[in-house]
Amino acid sequence: MTKKQVEIVNKTGLHARPASDFVLEAKKYESKITICRENGVPVNAKSVVRILAEGIGQGTKIEIAAEGTDEEQAAASLAALVESGLENKGGKCVWKKDYREIRYLRELLMRNLISTFPVH
């Protein structure tokens, strides 16, 4: 098992977008990965819901633990991501395009549902 201790430097902590980025990075590895606040209980680092439920804010010290075939790479990569501040890549929002696509798909779905089940 490989463990890394890091401090959250992001101003907003691990809120929705940084937590999503963290989880996406964690899911790249086969190892079992957990994240744990100081004096807390380890939670699955591949679950955005579990990470958000921890309410990890700026200045919080966390431990990233990985166990498996690629544990050293996983722990090092996630620690580096946290230390980088989990800021937007290239200074621009990387989710904007995805958000537009999701809105478009939602609109199509709603139109289809409305035409299939008309409201009286």
PDB file of N, CA and C in Angstrom:
ATOM      1  N   MET A   1       0.853  -1.182   0.000  1.00  0.00           N
ATOM      2  CA  MET A   1       0.000   0.000   0.000  1.00  0.00           C
ATOM      3  C   MET A   1       0.895   1.241   0.000  1.00  0.00           C
ATOM      4  N   THR A   2       0.538   2.174  -0.856  1.00  0.00           N
ATOM      5  CA  THR A   2       1.262   3.438  -0.947  1.00  0.00           C
ATOM      6  C   THR A   2       0.362   4.551  -0.438  1.00  0.00           C
ATOM      7  N   LYS A   3       0.915   5.413   0.424  1.00  0.00           N
ATOM      8  CA  LYS A   3       0.137   6.526   0.985  1.00  0.00           C
ATOM      9  C   LYS A   3       0.863   7.838   0.735  1.00  0.00           C
ATOM     10  N   LYS A   4       0.082   8.879   0.474  1.00  0.00           N
ATOM     11  CA  LYS A   4       0.628  10.232   0.304  1.00  0.00           C
ATOM     12  C   LYS A   4      -0.233  11.193   1.115  1.00  0.00           C
ATOM     13  N   GLN A   5       0.418  12.074   1.863  1.00  0.00           N
ATOM     14  CA  GLN A   5      -0.294  13.110   2.604  1.00  0.00           C
ATOM     15  C   GLN A   5      -0.141  14.424   1.854  1.00  0.00           C
ATOM     16  N   VAL A   6      -1.259  15.103   1.635  1.00  0.00           N
ATOM     17  CA  VAL A   6      -1.248  16.396   0.942  1.00  0.00           C
ATOM     18  C   VAL A   6      -2.252  17.331   1.609  1.00  0.00           C
ATOM     19  N   GLU A   7      -2.099  18.606   1.327  1.00  0.00           N
ATOM     20  CA  GLU A   7      -3.031  19.608   1.840  1.00  0.00           C
ATOM     21  C   GLU A   7      -3.787  20.201   0.665  1.00  0.00           C
ATOM     22  N   ILE A   8      -5.081  20.389   0.836  1.00  0.00           N
ATOM     23  CA  ILE A   8      -5.914  20.972  -0.213  1.00  0.00           C
ATOM     24  C   ILE A   8      -5.575  22.456  -0.316  1.00  0.00           C
ATOM     25  N   VAL A   9      -5.109  22.891  -1.485  1.00  0.00           N
ATOM     26  CA  VAL A   9      -4.741  24.289  -1.682  1.00  0.00           C
ATOM     27  C   VAL A   9      -5.777  25.049  -2.504  1.00  0.00           C
ATOM     28  N   ASN A  10      -6.648  24.328  -3.176  1.00  0.00           N
ATOM     29  CA  ASN A  10      -7.699  24.961  -3.970  1.00  0.00           C
ATOM     30  C   ASN A  10      -8.578  25.827  -3.067  1.00  0.00           C
ATOM     31  N   LYS A  11      -8.849  27.059  -3.475  1.00  0.00           N
ATOM     32  CA  LYS A  11      -9.629  28.004  -2.653  1.00  0.00           C
ATOM     33  C   LYS A  11     -10.993  27.465  -2.255  1.00  0.00           C
ATOM     34  N   THR A  12     -11.597  26.687  -3.134  1.00  0.00           N
ATOM     35  CA  THR A  12     -12.942  26.189  -2.866  1.00  0.00           C
ATOM     36  C   THR A  12     -12.954  24.750  -2.378  1.00  0.00           C
ATOM     37  N   GLY A  13     -11.778  24.184  -2.150  1.00  0.00           N
ATOM     38  CA  GLY A  13     -11.705  22.803  -1.670  1.00  0.00           C
ATOM     39  C   GLY A  13     -12.088  21.815  -2.751  1.00  0.00           C
ATOM     40  N   LEU A  14     -12.506  20.631  -2.317  1.00  0.00           N
ATOM     41  CA  LEU A  14     -12.926  19.606  -3.280  1.00  0.00           C
ATOM     42  C   LEU A  14     -14.431  19.699  -3.488  1.00  0.00           C
ATOM     43  N   HIS A  15     -14.869  20.776  -4.123  1.00  0.00           N
ATOM     44  CA  HIS A  15     -16.295  20.896  -4.458  1.00  0.00           C
ATOM     45  C   HIS A  15     -16.539  20.131  -5.757  1.00  0.00           C
ATOM     46  N   ALA A  16     -17.649  20.340  -6.403  1.00  0.00           N
ATOM     47  CA  ALA A  16     -18.086  19.505  -7.525  1.00  0.00           C
ATOM     48  C   ALA A  16     -17.059  19.316  -8.643  1.00  0.00           C
ATOM     49  N   ARG A  17     -16.577  20.394  -9.254  1.00  0.00           N
ATOM     50  CA  ARG A  17     -15.674  20.226 -10.400  1.00  0.00           C
ATOM     51  C   ARG A  17     -14.327  19.634  -9.998  1.00  0.00           C
ATOM     52  N   PRO A  18     -13.664  20.164  -8.969  1.00  0.00           N
ATOM     53  CA  PRO A  18     -12.399  19.535  -8.573  1.00  0.00           C
ATOM     54  C   PRO A  18     -12.570  18.080  -8.123  1.00  0.00           C
ATOM     55  N   ALA A  19     -13.665  17.789  -7.448  1.00  0.00           N
ATOM     56  CA  ALA A  19     -13.914  16.405  -7.030  1.00  0.00           C
ATOM     57  C   ALA A  19     -14.097  15.513  -8.251  1.00  0.00           C
ATOM     58  N   SER A  20     -14.786  16.022  -9.265  1.00  0.00           N
ATOM     59  CA  SER A  20     -14.968  15.262 -10.509  1.00  0.00           C
ATOM     60  C   SER A  20     -13.635  15.008 -11.188  1.00  0.00           C
ATOM     61  N   ASP A  21     -12.798  16.038 -11.252  1.00  0.00           N
ATOM     62  CA  ASP A  21     -11.467  15.877 -11.847  1.00  0.00           C
ATOM     63  C   ASP A  21     -10.660  14.836 -11.078  1.00  0.00           C
ATOM     64  N   PHE A  22     -10.745  14.884  -9.756  1.00  0.00           N
ATOM     65  CA  PHE A  22     -10.024  13.938  -8.907  1.00  0.00           C
ATOM     66  C   PHE A  22     -10.494  12.509  -9.188  1.00  0.00           C
ATOM     67  N   VAL A  23     -11.801  12.322  -9.247  1.00  0.00           N
ATOM     68  CA  VAL A  23     -12.380  10.993  -9.476  1.00  0.00           C
ATOM     69  C   VAL A  23     -12.006  10.479 -10.871  1.00  0.00           C
ATOM     70  N   LEU A  24     -12.071  11.349 -11.868  1.00  0.00           N
ATOM     71  CA  LEU A  24     -11.693  10.928 -13.221  1.00  0.00           C
ATOM     72  C   LEU A  24     -10.245  10.449 -13.258  1.00  0.00           C
ATOM     73  N   GLU A  25      -9.370  11.145 -12.558  1.00  0.00           N
ATOM     74  CA  GLU A  25      -7.966  10.727 -12.488  1.00  0.00           C
ATOM     75  C   GLU A  25      -7.847   9.403 -11.733  1.00  0.00           C
ATOM     76  N   ALA A  26      -8.568   9.248 -10.641  1.00  0.00           N
ATOM     77  CA  ALA A  26      -8.502   8.015  -9.837  1.00  0.00           C
ATOM     78  C   ALA A  26      -8.982   6.803 -10.637  1.00  0.00           C
ATOM     79  N   LYS A  27      -9.978   7.010 -11.477  1.00  0.00           N
ATOM     80  CA  LYS A  27     -10.550   5.903 -12.253  1.00  0.00           C
ATOM     81  C   LYS A  27      -9.615   5.414 -13.357  1.00  0.00           C
ATOM     82  N   LYS A  28      -8.545   6.125 -13.608  1.00  0.00           N
ATOM     83  CA  LYS A  28      -7.567   5.686 -14.609  1.00  0.00           C
ATOM     84  C   LYS A  28      -6.723   4.519 -14.102  1.00  0.00           C
ATOM     85  N   TYR A  29      -6.779   4.263 -12.803  1.00  0.00           N
ATOM     86  CA  TYR A  29      -5.927   3.251 -12.190  1.00  0.00           C
ATOM     87  C   TYR A  29      -6.737   2.061 -11.710  1.00  0.00           C
ATOM     88  N   GLU A  30      -6.115   0.889 -11.749  1.00  0.00           N
ATOM     89  CA  GLU A  30      -6.771  -0.338 -11.306  1.00  0.00           C
ATOM     90  C   GLU A  30      -6.777  -0.473  -9.792  1.00  0.00           C
ATOM     91  N   SER A  31      -5.848   0.168  -9.140  1.00  0.00           N
ATOM     92  CA  SER A  31      -5.708   0.052  -7.685  1.00  0.00           C
ATOM     93  C   SER A  31      -6.959   0.516  -6.953  1.00  0.00           C
ATOM     94  N   LYS A  32      -7.150  -0.030  -5.764  1.00  0.00           N
ATOM     95  CA  LYS A  32      -8.190   0.463  -4.854  1.00  0.00           C
ATOM     96  C   LYS A  32      -7.621   1.741  -4.238  1.00  0.00           C
ATOM     97  N   ILE A  33      -8.342   2.837  -4.368  1.00  0.00           N
ATOM     98  CA  ILE A  33      -7.846   4.134  -3.895  1.00  0.00           C
ATOM     99  C   ILE A  33      -8.839   4.726  -2.911  1.00  0.00           C
ATOM    100  N   THR A  34      -8.311   5.188  -1.787  1.00  0.00           N
ATOM    101  CA  THR A  34      -9.155   5.853  -0.795  1.00  0.00           C
ATOM    102  C   THR A  34      -8.577   7.224  -0.478  1.00  0.00           C
ATOM    103  N   ILE A  35      -9.448   8.078   0.028  1.00  0.00           N
ATOM    104  CA  ILE A  35      -9.055   9.413   0.476  1.00  0.00           C
ATOM    105  C   ILE A  35      -9.582   9.564   1.898  1.00  0.00           C
ATOM    106  N   CYS A  36      -8.777  10.161   2.753  1.00  0.00           N
ATOM    107  CA  CYS A  36      -9.162  10.254   4.156  1.00  0.00           C
ATOM    108  C   CYS A  36      -8.743  11.609   4.721  1.00  0.00           C
ATOM    109  N   ARG A  37      -9.693  12.312   5.345  1.00  0.00           N
ATOM    110  CA  ARG A  37      -9.357  13.550   6.059  1.00  0.00           C
ATOM    111  C   ARG A  37      -8.570  13.184   7.307  1.00  0.00           C
ATOM    112  N   GLU A  38      -7.906  14.183   7.869  1.00  0.00           N
ATOM    113  CA  GLU A  38      -7.201  13.986   9.127  1.00  0.00           C
ATOM    114  C   GLU A  38      -8.190  13.484  10.180  1.00  0.00           C
ATOM    115  N   ASN A  39      -7.854  12.390  10.841  1.00  0.00           N
ATOM    116  CA  ASN A  39      -8.700  11.767  11.871  1.00  0.00           C
ATOM    117  C   ASN A  39     -10.067  11.341  11.345  1.00  0.00           C
ATOM    118  N   GLY A  40     -10.159  11.051  10.047  1.00  0.00           N
ATOM    119  CA  GLY A  40     -11.430  10.649   9.456  1.00  0.00           C
ATOM    120  C   GLY A  40     -11.430   9.186   9.045  1.00  0.00           C
ATOM    121  N   VAL A  41     -12.473   8.815   8.362  1.00  0.00           N
ATOM    122  CA  VAL A  41     -12.646   7.455   7.858  1.00  0.00           C
ATOM    123  C   VAL A  41     -12.336   7.460   6.363  1.00  0.00           C
ATOM    124  N   PRO A  42     -11.543   6.508   5.877  1.00  0.00           N
ATOM    125  CA  PRO A  42     -11.242   6.461   4.443  1.00  0.00           C
ATOM    126  C   PRO A  42     -12.504   6.221   3.611  1.00  0.00           C
ATOM    127  N   VAL A  43     -12.607   6.939   2.484  1.00  0.00           N
ATOM    128  CA  VAL A  43     -13.730   6.754   1.566  1.00  0.00           C
ATOM    129  C   VAL A  43     -13.197   6.457   0.172  1.00  0.00           C
ATOM    130  N   ASN A  44     -14.019   5.842  -0.636  1.00  0.00           N
ATOM    131  CA  ASN A  44     -13.658   5.475  -1.995  1.00  0.00           C
ATOM    132  C   ASN A  44     -13.352   6.728  -2.814  1.00  0.00           C
ATOM    133  N   ALA A  45     -12.131   6.817  -3.331  1.00  0.00           N
ATOM    134  CA  ALA A  45     -11.713   7.988  -4.104  1.00  0.00           C
ATOM    135  C   ALA A  45     -12.241   7.955  -5.537  1.00  0.00           C
ATOM    136  N   LYS A  46     -12.928   6.883  -5.898  1.00  0.00           N
ATOM    137  CA  LYS A  46     -13.500   6.782  -7.241  1.00  0.00           C
ATOM    138  C   LYS A  46     -14.990   7.105  -7.231  1.00  0.00           C
ATOM    139  N   SER A  47     -15.456   7.667  -6.116  1.00  0.00           N
ATOM    140  CA  SER A  47     -16.863   8.046  -5.976  1.00  0.00           C
ATOM    141  C   SER A  47     -16.972   9.534  -5.672  1.00  0.00           C
ATOM    142  N   VAL A  48     -17.502  10.285  -6.626  1.00  0.00           N
ATOM    143  CA  VAL A  48     -17.628  11.730  -6.430  1.00  0.00           C
ATOM    144  C   VAL A  48     -18.586  12.041  -5.284  1.00  0.00           C
ATOM    145  N   VAL A  49     -19.591  11.229  -5.110  1.00  0.00           N
ATOM    146  CA  VAL A  49     -20.567  11.451  -4.036  1.00  0.00           C
ATOM    147  C   VAL A  49     -19.894  11.316  -2.668  1.00  0.00           C
ATOM    148  N   ARG A  50     -19.063  10.287  -2.518  1.00  0.00           N
ATOM    149  CA  ARG A  50     -18.375  10.082  -1.236  1.00  0.00           C
ATOM    150  C   ARG A  50     -17.408  11.230  -0.934  1.00  0.00           C
ATOM    151  N   ILE A  51     -16.709  11.701  -1.968  1.00  0.00           N
ATOM    152  CA  ILE A  51     -15.762  12.801  -1.770  1.00  0.00           C
ATOM    153  C   ILE A  51     -16.500  14.089  -1.407  1.00  0.00           C
ATOM    154  N   LEU A  52     -17.588  14.373  -2.105  1.00  0.00           N
ATOM    155  CA  LEU A  52     -18.373  15.578  -1.796  1.00  0.00           C
ATOM    156  C   LEU A  52     -18.948  15.502  -0.387  1.00  0.00           C
ATOM    157  N   ALA A  53     -19.369  14.304   0.023  1.00  0.00           N
ATOM    158  CA  ALA A  53     -19.947  14.131   1.361  1.00  0.00           C
ATOM    159  C   ALA A  53     -18.932  14.430   2.463  1.00  0.00           C
ATOM    160  N   GLU A  54     -17.660  14.304   2.164  1.00  0.00           N
ATOM    161  CA  GLU A  54     -16.616  14.591   3.159  1.00  0.00           C
ATOM    162  C   GLU A  54     -16.473  16.086   3.432  1.00  0.00           C
ATOM    163  N   GLY A  55     -16.910  16.928   2.510  1.00  0.00           N
ATOM    164  CA  GLY A  55     -16.832  18.375   2.711  1.00  0.00           C
ATOM    165  C   GLY A  55     -15.399  18.852   2.910  1.00  0.00           C
ATOM    166  N   ILE A  56     -14.519  18.444   2.041  1.00  0.00           N
ATOM    167  CA  ILE A  56     -13.094  18.764   2.172  1.00  0.00           C
ATOM    168  C   ILE A  56     -12.820  20.167   1.645  1.00  0.00           C
ATOM    169  N   GLY A  57     -12.434  21.068   2.545  1.00  0.00           N
ATOM    170  CA  GLY A  57     -12.196  22.460   2.189  1.00  0.00           C
ATOM    171  C   GLY A  57     -10.717  22.802   2.101  1.00  0.00           C
ATOM    172  N   GLN A  58     -10.456  24.045   1.722  1.00  0.00           N
ATOM    173  CA  GLN A  58      -9.080  24.520   1.618  1.00  0.00           C
ATOM    174  C   GLN A  58      -8.375  24.386   2.967  1.00  0.00           C
ATOM    175  N   GLY A  59      -7.124  23.942   2.916  1.00  0.00           N
ATOM    176  CA  GLY A  59      -6.335  23.796   4.134  1.00  0.00           C
ATOM    177  C   GLY A  59      -6.493  22.449   4.819  1.00  0.00           C
ATOM    178  N   THR A  60      -7.446  21.641   4.360  1.00  0.00           N
ATOM    179  CA  THR A  60      -7.647  20.319   4.945  1.00  0.00           C
ATOM    180  C   THR A  60      -6.508  19.396   4.527  1.00  0.00           C
ATOM    181  N   LYS A  61      -5.978  18.672   5.483  1.00  0.00           N
ATOM    182  CA  LYS A  61      -4.942  17.687   5.182  1.00  0.00           C
ATOM    183  C   LYS A  61      -5.622  16.357   4.921  1.00  0.00           C
ATOM    184  N   ILE A  62      -5.242  15.733   3.805  1.00  0.00           N
ATOM    185  CA  ILE A  62      -5.833  14.446   3.439  1.00  0.00           C
ATOM    186  C   ILE A  62      -4.727  13.420   3.192  1.00  0.00           C
ATOM    187  N   GLU A  63      -5.132  12.164   3.276  1.00  0.00           N
ATOM    188  CA  GLU A  63      -4.226  11.072   2.946  1.00  0.00           C
ATOM    189  C   GLU A  63      -4.833  10.304   1.776  1.00  0.00           C
ATOM    190  N   ILE A  64      -4.030  10.132   0.743  1.00  0.00           N
ATOM    191  CA  ILE A  64      -4.441   9.343  -0.409  1.00  0.00           C
ATOM    192  C   ILE A  64      -3.736   8.003  -0.289  1.00  0.00           C
ATOM    193  N   ALA A  65      -4.506   6.926  -0.260  1.00  0.00           N
ATOM    194  CA  ALA A  65      -3.935   5.584  -0.138  1.00  0.00           C
ATOM    195  C   ALA A  65      -4.350   4.761  -1.350  1.00  0.00           C
ATOM    196  N   ALA A  66      -3.380   4.060  -1.928  1.00  0.00           N
ATOM    197  CA  ALA A  66      -3.655   3.208  -3.084  1.00  0.00           C
ATOM    198  C   ALA A  66      -3.076   1.826  -2.831  1.00  0.00           C
ATOM    199  N   GLU A  67      -3.827   0.818  -3.241  1.00  0.00           N
ATOM    200  CA  GLU A  67      -3.373  -0.552  -3.070  1.00  0.00           C
ATOM    201  C   GLU A  67      -3.703  -1.331  -4.328  1.00  0.00           C
ATOM    202  N   GLY A  68      -2.658  -1.853  -4.965  1.00  0.00           N
ATOM    203  CA  GLY A  68      -2.847  -2.623  -6.192  1.00  0.00           C
ATOM    204  C   GLY A  68      -1.614  -2.583  -7.070  1.00  0.00           C
ATOM    205  N   THR A  69      -1.786  -3.019  -8.288  1.00  0.00           N
ATOM    206  CA  THR A  69      -0.648  -3.153  -9.199  1.00  0.00           C
ATOM    207  C   THR A  69      -0.001  -1.826  -9.571  1.00  0.00           C
ATOM    208  N   ASP A  70      -0.799  -0.777  -9.662  1.00  0.00           N
ATOM    209  CA  ASP A  70      -0.274   0.539 -10.068  1.00  0.00           C
ATOM    210  C   ASP A  70      -0.373   1.563  -8.934  1.00  0.00           C
ATOM    211  N   GLU A  71      -0.255   1.083  -7.693  1.00  0.00           N
ATOM    212  CA  GLU A  71      -0.480   1.935  -6.520  1.00  0.00           C
ATOM    213  C   GLU A  71       0.455   3.138  -6.441  1.00  0.00           C
ATOM    214  N   GLU A  72       1.720   2.958  -6.765  1.00  0.00           N
ATOM    215  CA  GLU A  72       2.668   4.074  -6.657  1.00  0.00           C
ATOM    216  C   GLU A  72       2.339   5.177  -7.654  1.00  0.00           C
ATOM    217  N   GLN A  73       2.035   4.786  -8.887  1.00  0.00           N
ATOM    218  CA  GLN A  73       1.657   5.764  -9.911  1.00  0.00           C
ATOM    219  C   GLN A  73       0.376   6.488  -9.517  1.00  0.00           C
ATOM    220  N   ALA A  74      -0.609   5.734  -9.044  1.00  0.00           N
ATOM    221  CA  ALA A  74      -1.900   6.310  -8.685  1.00  0.00           C
ATOM    222  C   ALA A  74      -1.757   7.338  -7.565  1.00  0.00           C
ATOM    223  N   ALA A  75      -1.077   6.954  -6.500  1.00  0.00           N
ATOM    224  CA  ALA A  75      -0.919   7.859  -5.355  1.00  0.00           C
ATOM    225  C   ALA A  75      -0.133   9.106  -5.750  1.00  0.00           C
ATOM    226  N   ALA A  76       0.930   8.922  -6.511  1.00  0.00           N
ATOM    227  CA  ALA A  76       1.749  10.061  -6.930  1.00  0.00           C
ATOM    228  C   ALA A  76       0.977  11.005  -7.844  1.00  0.00           C
ATOM    229  N   SER A  77       0.229  10.434  -8.778  1.00  0.00           N
ATOM    230  CA  SER A  77      -0.542  11.245  -9.720  1.00  0.00           C
ATOM    231  C   SER A  77      -1.629  12.049  -9.016  1.00  0.00           C
ATOM    232  N   LEU A  78      -2.349  11.403  -8.107  1.00  0.00           N
ATOM    233  CA  LEU A  78      -3.430  12.086  -7.390  1.00  0.00           C
ATOM    234  C   LEU A  78      -2.881  13.138  -6.433  1.00  0.00           C
ATOM    235  N   ALA A  79      -1.765  12.852  -5.796  1.00  0.00           N
ATOM    236  CA  ALA A  79      -1.146  13.833  -4.903  1.00  0.00           C
ATOM    237  C   ALA A  79      -0.694  15.059  -5.698  1.00  0.00           C
ATOM    238  N   ALA A  80      -0.103  14.820  -6.868  1.00  0.00           N
ATOM    239  CA  ALA A  80       0.331  15.931  -7.722  1.00  0.00           C
ATOM    240  C   ALA A  80      -0.863  16.756  -8.195  1.00  0.00           C
ATOM    241  N   LEU A  81      -1.964  16.085  -8.492  1.00  0.00           N
ATOM    242  CA  LEU A  81      -3.173  16.793  -8.924  1.00  0.00           C
ATOM    243  C   LEU A  81      -3.692  17.697  -7.813  1.00  0.00           C
ATOM    244  N   VAL A  82      -3.735  17.193  -6.593  1.00  0.00           N
ATOM    245  CA  VAL A  82      -4.197  17.994  -5.454  1.00  0.00           C
ATOM    246  C   VAL A  82      -3.245  19.165  -5.212  1.00  0.00           C
ATOM    247  N   GLU A  83      -1.942  18.895  -5.263  1.00  0.00           N
ATOM    248  CA  GLU A  83      -0.954  19.953  -5.026  1.00  0.00           C
ATOM    249  C   GLU A  83      -0.989  21.028  -6.109  1.00  0.00           C
ATOM    250  N   SER A  84      -1.447  20.660  -7.315  1.00  0.00           N
ATOM    251  CA  SER A  84      -1.550  21.638  -8.407  1.00  0.00           C
ATOM    252  C   SER A  84      -2.701  22.606  -8.181  1.00  0.00           C
ATOM    253  N   GLY A  85      -3.563  22.299  -7.217  1.00  0.00           N
ATOM    254  CA  GLY A  85      -4.702  23.165  -6.920  1.00  0.00           C
ATOM    255  C   GLY A  85      -5.961  22.791  -7.661  1.00  0.00           C
ATOM    256  N   LEU A  86      -5.900  21.742  -8.491  1.00  0.00           N
ATOM    257  CA  LEU A  86      -7.068  21.293  -9.261  1.00  0.00           C
ATOM    258  C   LEU A  86      -7.709  22.438 -10.036  1.00  0.00           C
ATOM    259  N   GLU A  87      -6.898  23.319 -10.559  1.00  0.00           N
ATOM    260  CA  GLU A  87      -7.423  24.460 -11.302  1.00  0.00           C
ATOM    261  C   GLU A  87      -7.848  24.033 -12.699  1.00  0.00           C
ATOM    262  N   ASN A  88      -8.632  24.898 -13.356  1.00  0.00           N
ATOM    263  CA  ASN A  88      -9.045  24.625 -14.732  1.00  0.00           C
ATOM    264  C   ASN A  88      -7.825  24.459 -15.614  1.00  0.00           C
ATOM    265  N   LYS A  89      -7.878  23.517 -16.512  1.00  0.00           N
ATOM    266  CA  LYS A  89      -6.767  23.270 -17.420  1.00  0.00           C
ATOM    267  C   LYS A  89      -6.674  24.391 -18.445  1.00  0.00           C
ATOM    268  N   GLY A  90      -5.490  24.976 -18.582  1.00  0.00           N
ATOM    269  CA  GLY A  90      -5.283  26.013 -19.582  1.00  0.00           C
ATOM    270  C   GLY A  90      -6.006  27.304 -19.274  1.00  0.00           C
ATOM    271  N   GLY A  91      -6.491  27.472 -18.056  1.00  0.00           N
ATOM    272  CA  GLY A  91      -7.150  28.712 -17.676  1.00  0.00           C
ATOM    273  C   GLY A  91      -8.556  28.874 -18.219  1.00  0.00           C
ATOM    274  N   LYS A  92      -9.096  27.839 -18.864  1.00  0.00           N
ATOM    275  CA  LYS A  92     -10.466  27.950 -19.353  1.00  0.00           C
ATOM    276  C   LYS A  92     -11.290  26.762 -18.871  1.00  0.00           C
ATOM    277  N   CYS A  93     -12.560  26.924 -18.883  1.00  0.00           N
ATOM    278  CA  CYS A  93     -13.453  25.892 -18.375  1.00  0.00           C
ATOM    279  C   CYS A  93     -13.454  24.689 -19.314  1.00  0.00           C
ATOM    280  N   VAL A  94     -13.100  23.535 -18.804  1.00  0.00           N
ATOM    281  CA  VAL A  94     -13.058  22.336 -19.634  1.00  0.00           C
ATOM    282  C   VAL A  94     -14.422  21.656 -19.705  1.00  0.00           C
ATOM    283  N   TRP A  95     -15.372  22.081 -18.874  1.00  0.00           N
ATOM    284  CA  TRP A  95     -16.685  21.439 -18.836  1.00  0.00           C
ATOM    285  C   TRP A  95     -17.712  22.142 -19.704  1.00  0.00           C
ATOM    286  N   LYS A  96     -17.397  23.331 -20.215  1.00  0.00           N
ATOM    287  CA  LYS A  96     -18.379  24.121 -20.943  1.00  0.00           C
ATOM    288  C   LYS A  96     -18.961  23.364 -22.129  1.00  0.00           C
ATOM    289  N   LYS A  97     -18.100  22.752 -22.932  1.00  0.00           N
ATOM    290  CA  LYS A  97     -18.566  22.015 -24.103  1.00  0.00           C
ATOM    291  C   LYS A  97     -19.450  20.852 -23.675  1.00  0.00           C
ATOM    292  N   ASP A  98     -19.013  20.098 -22.666  1.00  0.00           N
ATOM    293  CA  ASP A  98     -19.809  18.973 -22.182  1.00  0.00           C
ATOM    294  C   ASP A  98     -21.161  19.441 -21.669  1.00  0.00           C
ATOM    295  N   TYR A  99     -21.173  20.574 -20.977  1.00  0.00           N
ATOM    296  CA  TYR A  99     -22.415  21.107 -20.432  1.00  0.00           C
ATOM    297  C   TYR A  99     -23.385  21.440 -21.556  1.00  0.00           C
ATOM    298  N   ARG A 100     -22.880  22.063 -22.631  1.00  0.00           N
ATOM    299  CA  ARG A 100     -23.745  22.395 -23.776  1.00  0.00           C
ATOM    300  C   ARG A 100     -24.329  21.128 -24.387  1.00  0.00           C
ATOM    301  N   GLU A 101     -23.503  20.098 -24.534  1.00  0.00           N
ATOM    302  CA  GLU A 101     -23.976  18.836 -25.105  1.00  0.00           C
ATOM    303  C   GLU A 101     -25.035  18.195 -24.213  1.00  0.00           C
ATOM    304  N   ILE A 102     -24.837  18.247 -22.912  1.00  0.00           N
ATOM    305  CA  ILE A 102     -25.816  17.670 -21.991  1.00  0.00           C
ATOM    306  C   ILE A 102     -27.133  18.430 -22.076  1.00  0.00           C
ATOM    307  N   ARG A 103     -27.065  19.762 -22.130  1.00  0.00           N
ATOM    308  CA  ARG A 103     -28.301  20.559 -22.264  1.00  0.00           C
ATOM    309  C   ARG A 103     -29.040  20.213 -23.545  1.00  0.00           C
ATOM    310  N   TYR A 104     -28.280  20.059 -24.643  1.00  0.00           N
ATOM    311  CA  TYR A 104     -28.881  19.734 -25.935  1.00  0.00           C
ATOM    312  C   TYR A 104     -29.561  18.364 -25.874  1.00  0.00           C
ATOM    313  N   LEU A 105     -28.889  17.380 -25.305  1.00  0.00           N
ATOM    314  CA  LEU A 105     -29.469  16.044 -25.193  1.00  0.00           C
ATOM    315  C   LEU A 105     -30.700  16.050 -24.298  1.00  0.00           C
ATOM    316  N   ARG A 106     -30.660  16.838 -23.231  1.00  0.00           N
ATOM    317  CA  ARG A 106     -31.815  16.950 -22.337  1.00  0.00           C
ATOM    318  C   ARG A 106     -33.007  17.543 -23.079  1.00  0.00           C
ATOM    319  N   GLU A 107     -32.738  18.570 -23.892  1.00  0.00           N
ATOM    320  CA  GLU A 107     -33.814  19.179 -24.685  1.00  0.00           C
ATOM    321  C   GLU A 107     -34.439  18.169 -25.629  1.00  0.00           C
ATOM    322  N   LEU A 108     -33.594  17.405 -26.322  1.00  0.00           N
ATOM    323  CA  LEU A 108     -34.110  16.384 -27.248  1.00  0.00           C
ATOM    324  C   LEU A 108     -34.949  15.354 -26.507  1.00  0.00           C
ATOM    325  N   LEU A 109     -34.472  14.926 -25.359  1.00  0.00           N
ATOM    326  CA  LEU A 109     -35.200  13.947 -24.569  1.00  0.00           C
ATOM    327  C   LEU A 109     -36.552  14.506 -24.142  1.00  0.00           C
ATOM    328  N   MET A 110     -36.572  15.742 -23.657  1.00  0.00           N
ATOM    329  CA  MET A 110     -37.825  16.350 -23.202  1.00  0.00           C
ATOM    330  C   MET A 110     -38.813  16.500 -24.357  1.00  0.00           C
ATOM    331  N   ARG A 111     -38.327  16.911 -25.518  1.00  0.00           N
ATOM    332  CA  ARG A 111     -39.218  17.033 -26.689  1.00  0.00           C
ATOM    333  C   ARG A 111     -39.826  15.685 -27.032  1.00  0.00           C
ATOM    334  N   ASN A 112     -38.991  14.645 -27.009  1.00  0.00           N
ATOM    335  CA  ASN A 112     -39.461  13.304 -27.330  1.00  0.00           C
ATOM    336  C   ASN A 112     -40.479  12.839 -26.303  1.00  0.00           C
ATOM    337  N   LEU A 113     -40.227  13.085 -25.027  1.00  0.00           N
ATOM    338  CA  LEU A 113     -41.171  12.685 -23.991  1.00  0.00           C
ATOM    339  C   LEU A 113     -42.484  13.437 -24.111  1.00  0.00           C
ATOM    340  N   ILE A 114     -42.413  14.715 -24.408  1.00  0.00           N
ATOM    341  CA  ILE A 114     -43.633  15.519 -24.542  1.00  0.00           C
ATOM    342  C   ILE A 114     -44.454  15.050 -25.724  1.00  0.00           C
ATOM    343  N   SER A 115     -43.788  14.739 -26.851  1.00  0.00           N
ATOM    344  CA  SER A 115     -44.534  14.289 -28.006  1.00  0.00           C
ATOM    345  C   SER A 115     -45.087  12.879 -27.810  1.00  0.00           C
ATOM    346  N   THR A 116     -44.423  12.070 -27.000  1.00  0.00           N
ATOM    347  CA  THR A 116     -44.877  10.704 -26.726  1.00  0.00           C
ATOM    348  C   THR A 116     -46.008  10.702 -25.704  1.00  0.00           C
ATOM    349  N   PHE A 117     -45.895  11.545 -24.680  1.00  0.00           N
ATOM    350  CA  PHE A 117     -46.894  11.619 -23.620  1.00  0.00           C
ATOM    351  C   PHE A 117     -47.442  13.064 -23.539  1.00  0.00           C
ATOM    352  N   PRO A 118     -48.397  13.381 -24.396  1.00  0.00           N
ATOM    353  CA  PRO A 118     -48.898  14.771 -24.379  1.00  0.00           C
ATOM    354  C   PRO A 118     -49.582  15.104 -23.056  1.00  0.00           C
ATOM    355  N   VAL A 119     -49.387  16.340 -22.650  1.00  0.00           N
ATOM    356  CA  VAL A 119     -49.984  16.820 -21.407  1.00  0.00           C
ATOM    357  C   VAL A 119     -51.360  17.404 -21.745  1.00  0.00           C
ATOM    358  N   HIS A 120     -52.392  17.005 -21.009  1.00  0.00           N
ATOM    359  CA  HIS A 120     -53.752  17.500 -21.261  1.00  0.00           C
ATOM    360  C   HIS A 120     -54.119  18.588 -20.301  1.00  0.00           C
TER     361      HIS A 120
END
